[in-house]
Amino acid sequence: MELWDAETARRYDTPGTGMFAAEVLGPTVDRLVALADGGRALELAIGTGRVAVPLAERGVPVVGIELSPHMVEQLRTKADENTIPVVLGDMATATAPGEFSLVYLVFNTIANLLTQEEQVACFRNAARHLSPGGRFVIELWVPELRKLPPGVQATVWACEPGYIGLDTYDVLHQRVVSHHFRFDEGRQADHGWTPHRYIWPSELDLMAQLAGLTLESRDADWDGSEFTEDSRSHVSVYRRG
C-alpha cells in the first residue's frame, strides 16, 4: 500500500491546527533559522512544505528531498521549483546538489524508515550533505514502553471528540503502528495507520557517531525546554566536526 498517496497528500495540511498551529510551527521555524546560521538548509522528507515554506520566507534558502510526488504536488501550490527545489527520492539515499549548513528531519519522520540499516544510512546521507561545522537536527518522539503493562500491546495517546489515536507495539522488532480512528455521529469509523521503527535517544546518538556526527544539544521541544526522563519527545542537534 502506498501510504503517501494523492488522497493522503490532499488531506495532509491542516492550516492553523495540529502540527500547523502557530504555537507548534512558530518555535520550530525560529529554532531552525538560528541553527541555519545564515547558510542553506536541506529538509529530508519535505512533504507539503509545512516547515520549508515559512523557513524560506524567513530568508533561509531551502532544498528538499521527498519520496512522494503527491506531497510535492501539494508543495507546488505554495512555492515553485525556483523558490524551493525538491529532489524526488528516498531520504536515506537521495542527494541534493551542494553543501548545507543545516539538514533537518522533523515530526518523527526518521521512524518511517523501518530498519536500523535504513536509519543509519539516513544519518550518513545527512552527514554527506553538511559543510564542516554544519548541523543535523532531528525531532522525534520517545517510545512510551513504560505505559505497557505485561501482556498489553497498545497505548492510547489521543482521545478526543471524533478522534482516537493509539499505537500498537512489536517490542521484539522495535516496531510500532500508529492507528488513527476518525468518526462522526454514525456507526462507521475511518481508519488510517502508519508503520514506524522507534528509536531510543541513545541509539540515535550511536547512529550519529557512525556518521561522524556528535551530539551538540538535546531539548524536550523547539522552545528549548529541558529534556528529562519524562519527556515524550526531543529535538536533538548533531554537529559535523
Foldseek 3Di string as FASTA:
>chain_A
DDQCDLVCLVPVDDDCDDCNNCVNQVLVLVLVLVQQVPKAEEEEQCFLPSNPLVNLVVPHQYEYEHQDVSRVVNNCVRPNCVRYNYHHDHLLDDADDAAGLEYEYEDAVLQLPPAPVSSLSNLLRNLVRHDAFGKYKYKHFADPCVPDDPPDFKDWDDDDVQWTWMWGDDVVSQKIKIWIWGDDPDDDIDIDIGIGRDDHPVRVQVSNVVNQKHWDDKALGSVRHHDDPPRGIIMTMITHD
